[in-house]
């Protein structure tokens, strides 16, 4: 069962570790910055689609954000946030998506079928 109280905290933590502002993440997710703020404070819930897109950007899976996994799939990387725009973040999310899939396939082949 997802821990919704942990979701906003984890989202905020991984966003900050990535060096991104709420505004940048909101631009990438095509939502208002206040939506991100309210979700991080657990005043609102992320939609499934928004959460999935954010997870790709952060290099993790939704189960990590929900508190059902202890570690993200990829270690978040710090990005030069002041110079990143939505298009840059789209590219980073695509690369992260590929890296996540590769890691999951490697784990599967090793017999770690989670």
C-alpha atoms as a PDB file:
ATOM      1  CA  UNK A   1       0.000   0.000   0.000  1.00  0.00           C
ATOM      2  CA  UNK A   2       1.487   3.369  -0.972  1.00  0.00           C
ATOM      3  CA  UNK A   3       2.493   5.683   1.864  1.00  0.00           C
ATOM      4  CA  UNK A   4       0.939   8.937   0.629  1.00  0.00           C
ATOM      5  CA  UNK A   5       2.332  10.904   3.566  1.00  0.00           C
ATOM      6  CA  UNK A   6       5.853   9.896   2.520  1.00  0.00           C
ATOM      7  CA  UNK A   7       5.263  10.721  -1.149  1.00  0.00           C
ATOM      8  CA  UNK A   8       5.489  14.501  -0.889  1.00  0.00           C
ATOM      9  CA  UNK A   9       8.565  14.308   1.323  1.00  0.00           C
ATOM     10  CA  UNK A  10      10.356  11.870  -0.986  1.00  0.00           C
ATOM     11  CA  UNK A  11       9.422  13.906  -4.047  1.00  0.00           C
ATOM     12  CA  UNK A  12      10.774  17.093  -2.475  1.00  0.00           C
ATOM     13  CA  UNK A  13      13.937  15.356  -1.294  1.00  0.00           C
ATOM     14  CA  UNK A  14      14.814  13.814  -4.649  1.00  0.00           C
ATOM     15  CA  UNK A  15      13.923  17.027  -6.496  1.00  0.00           C
ATOM     16  CA  UNK A  16      16.287  18.996  -4.284  1.00  0.00           C
ATOM     17  CA  UNK A  17      19.036  16.358  -4.550  1.00  0.00           C
ATOM     18  CA  UNK A  18      18.700  16.696  -8.319  1.00  0.00           C
ATOM     19  CA  UNK A  19      19.225  20.452  -7.992  1.00  0.00           C
ATOM     20  CA  UNK A  20      15.880  21.358  -9.558  1.00  0.00           C
ATOM     21  CA  UNK A  21      13.428  24.002  -8.454  1.00  0.00           C
ATOM     22  CA  UNK A  22       9.688  23.479  -8.137  1.00  0.00           C
ATOM     23  CA  UNK A  23       9.254  25.844 -11.071  1.00  0.00           C
ATOM     24  CA  UNK A  24      11.529  23.792 -13.341  1.00  0.00           C
ATOM     25  CA  UNK A  25       9.829  20.529 -12.440  1.00  0.00           C
ATOM     26  CA  UNK A  26       6.424  22.128 -12.925  1.00  0.00           C
ATOM     27  CA  UNK A  27       7.441  23.369 -16.378  1.00  0.00           C
ATOM     28  CA  UNK A  28       8.641  19.889 -17.334  1.00  0.00           C
ATOM     29  CA  UNK A  29       5.456  18.282 -15.988  1.00  0.00           C
ATOM     30  CA  UNK A  30       3.281  20.974 -17.604  1.00  0.00           C
ATOM     31  CA  UNK A  31       1.592  21.879 -14.318  1.00  0.00           C
ATOM     32  CA  UNK A  32       1.513  25.001 -12.176  1.00  0.00           C
ATOM     33  CA  UNK A  33       4.311  25.472  -9.643  1.00  0.00           C
ATOM     34  CA  UNK A  34       1.714  25.745  -6.863  1.00  0.00           C
ATOM     35  CA  UNK A  35       0.579  22.188  -7.703  1.00  0.00           C
ATOM     36  CA  UNK A  36       4.101  20.905  -7.010  1.00  0.00           C
ATOM     37  CA  UNK A  37       4.273  22.904  -3.789  1.00  0.00           C
ATOM     38  CA  UNK A  38       0.934  21.582  -2.522  1.00  0.00           C
ATOM     39  CA  UNK A  39       1.811  18.000  -3.446  1.00  0.00           C
ATOM     40  CA  UNK A  40       5.153  18.234  -1.651  1.00  0.00           C
ATOM     41  CA  UNK A  41       3.301  19.445   1.455  1.00  0.00           C
ATOM     42  CA  UNK A  42       0.752  16.612   1.087  1.00  0.00           C
ATOM     43  CA  UNK A  43      -2.042  19.142   0.621  1.00  0.00           C
ATOM     44  CA  UNK A  44      -2.770  17.594  -2.765  1.00  0.00           C
ATOM     45  CA  UNK A  45      -2.044  14.286  -4.470  1.00  0.00           C
ATOM     46  CA  UNK A  46       0.005  13.816  -7.599  1.00  0.00           C
ATOM     47  CA  UNK A  47      -1.827  12.316 -10.544  1.00  0.00           C
ATOM     48  CA  UNK A  48      -0.492   8.947 -11.672  1.00  0.00           C
ATOM     49  CA  UNK A  49       0.683  10.405 -14.991  1.00  0.00           C
ATOM     50  CA  UNK A  50       2.477  13.301 -13.321  1.00  0.00           C
ATOM     51  CA  UNK A  51       4.162  10.983 -10.847  1.00  0.00           C
ATOM     52  CA  UNK A  52       5.320   8.628 -13.592  1.00  0.00           C
ATOM     53  CA  UNK A  53       6.832  11.485 -15.637  1.00  0.00           C
ATOM     54  CA  UNK A  54       8.562  12.874 -12.539  1.00  0.00           C
ATOM     55  CA  UNK A  55       9.966   9.466 -11.638  1.00  0.00           C
ATOM     56  CA  UNK A  56      11.591   9.229 -15.072  1.00  0.00           C
ATOM     57  CA  UNK A  57      13.121  12.658 -14.626  1.00  0.00           C
ATOM     58  CA  UNK A  58      14.513  11.738 -11.202  1.00  0.00           C
ATOM     59  CA  UNK A  59      15.767   8.300 -12.268  1.00  0.00           C
ATOM     60  CA  UNK A  60      13.567   6.360  -9.905  1.00  0.00           C
ATOM     61  CA  UNK A  61      10.333   4.437 -10.031  1.00  0.00           C
ATOM     62  CA  UNK A  62       6.995   5.371  -8.536  1.00  0.00           C
ATOM     63  CA  UNK A  63       7.299   2.722  -5.820  1.00  0.00           C
ATOM     64  CA  UNK A  64      10.319   4.585  -4.435  1.00  0.00           C
ATOM     65  CA  UNK A  65       8.387   7.854  -4.331  1.00  0.00           C
ATOM     66  CA  UNK A  66       5.461   6.084  -2.637  1.00  0.00           C
ATOM     67  CA  UNK A  67       7.783   4.742   0.059  1.00  0.00           C
ATOM     68  CA  UNK A  68       7.519   1.118  -1.064  1.00  0.00           C
ATOM     69  CA  UNK A  69      11.234   0.870  -1.963  1.00  0.00           C
ATOM     70  CA  UNK A  70      14.202   2.037   0.064  1.00  0.00           C
ATOM     71  CA  UNK A  71      16.431   3.169  -2.800  1.00  0.00           C
ATOM     72  CA  UNK A  72      15.828   4.841  -6.146  1.00  0.00           C
ATOM     73  CA  UNK A  73      16.845   2.760  -9.157  1.00  0.00           C
ATOM     74  CA  UNK A  74      19.424   5.358 -10.167  1.00  0.00           C
ATOM     75  CA  UNK A  75      21.244   7.722  -7.869  1.00  0.00           C
ATOM     76  CA  UNK A  76      19.891  11.242  -8.520  1.00  0.00           C
ATOM     77  CA  UNK A  77      22.404  13.447 -10.264  1.00  0.00           C
ATOM     78  CA  UNK A  78      22.836  17.111  -9.502  1.00  0.00           C
ATOM     79  CA  UNK A  79      22.001  19.226 -12.514  1.00  0.00           C
ATOM     80  CA  UNK A  80      23.013  22.820 -13.241  1.00  0.00           C
ATOM     81  CA  UNK A  81      19.466  23.921 -12.466  1.00  0.00           C
ATOM     82  CA  UNK A  82      19.691  27.592 -13.355  1.00  0.00           C
ATOM     83  CA  UNK A  83      20.355  26.837 -17.009  1.00  0.00           C
ATOM     84  CA  UNK A  84      17.900  23.955 -17.507  1.00  0.00           C
ATOM     85  CA  UNK A  85      14.594  24.444 -19.259  1.00  0.00           C
ATOM     86  CA  UNK A  86      11.701  22.097 -20.005  1.00  0.00           C
ATOM     87  CA  UNK A  87      13.281  20.804 -23.201  1.00  0.00           C
ATOM     88  CA  UNK A  88      16.539  19.950 -21.391  1.00  0.00           C
ATOM     89  CA  UNK A  89      14.564  18.099 -18.739  1.00  0.00           C
ATOM     90  CA  UNK A  90      12.697  16.130 -21.422  1.00  0.00           C
ATOM     91  CA  UNK A  91      16.048  14.862 -22.706  1.00  0.00           C
ATOM     92  CA  UNK A  92      17.257  13.982 -19.215  1.00  0.00           C
ATOM     93  CA  UNK A  93      14.020  12.104 -18.509  1.00  0.00           C
ATOM     94  CA  UNK A  94      14.416  10.061 -21.712  1.00  0.00           C
ATOM     95  CA  UNK A  95      17.980   9.119 -20.810  1.00  0.00           C
ATOM     96  CA  UNK A  96      16.855   8.216 -17.271  1.00  0.00           C
ATOM     97  CA  UNK A  97      14.012   6.103 -18.653  1.00  0.00           C
ATOM     98  CA  UNK A  98      16.511   4.134 -20.759  1.00  0.00           C
ATOM     99  CA  UNK A  99      18.888   3.741 -17.807  1.00  0.00           C
ATOM    100  CA  UNK A 100      16.057   2.550 -15.544  1.00  0.00           C
ATOM    101  CA  UNK A 101      14.930  -0.025 -18.102  1.00  0.00           C
ATOM    102  CA  UNK A 102      18.510  -1.236 -18.555  1.00  0.00           C
ATOM    103  CA  UNK A 103      18.975  -1.599 -14.791  1.00  0.00           C
ATOM    104  CA  UNK A 104      15.688  -3.515 -14.464  1.00  0.00           C
ATOM    105  CA  UNK A 105      16.631  -5.848 -17.334  1.00  0.00           C
ATOM    106  CA  UNK A 106      20.062  -6.483 -15.802  1.00  0.00           C
ATOM    107  CA  UNK A 107      18.470  -7.270 -12.434  1.00  0.00           C
ATOM    108  CA  UNK A 108      15.983  -9.588 -14.122  1.00  0.00           C
ATOM    109  CA  UNK A 109      18.733 -11.445 -15.955  1.00  0.00           C
ATOM    110  CA  UNK A 110      20.673 -11.841 -12.704  1.00  0.00           C
ATOM    111  CA  UNK A 111      17.595 -13.449 -11.165  1.00  0.00           C
ATOM    112  CA  UNK A 112      16.586 -10.499  -8.984  1.00  0.00           C
ATOM    113  CA  UNK A 113      12.980 -10.534 -10.232  1.00  0.00           C
ATOM    114  CA  UNK A 114      11.307  -7.869  -8.066  1.00  0.00           C
END
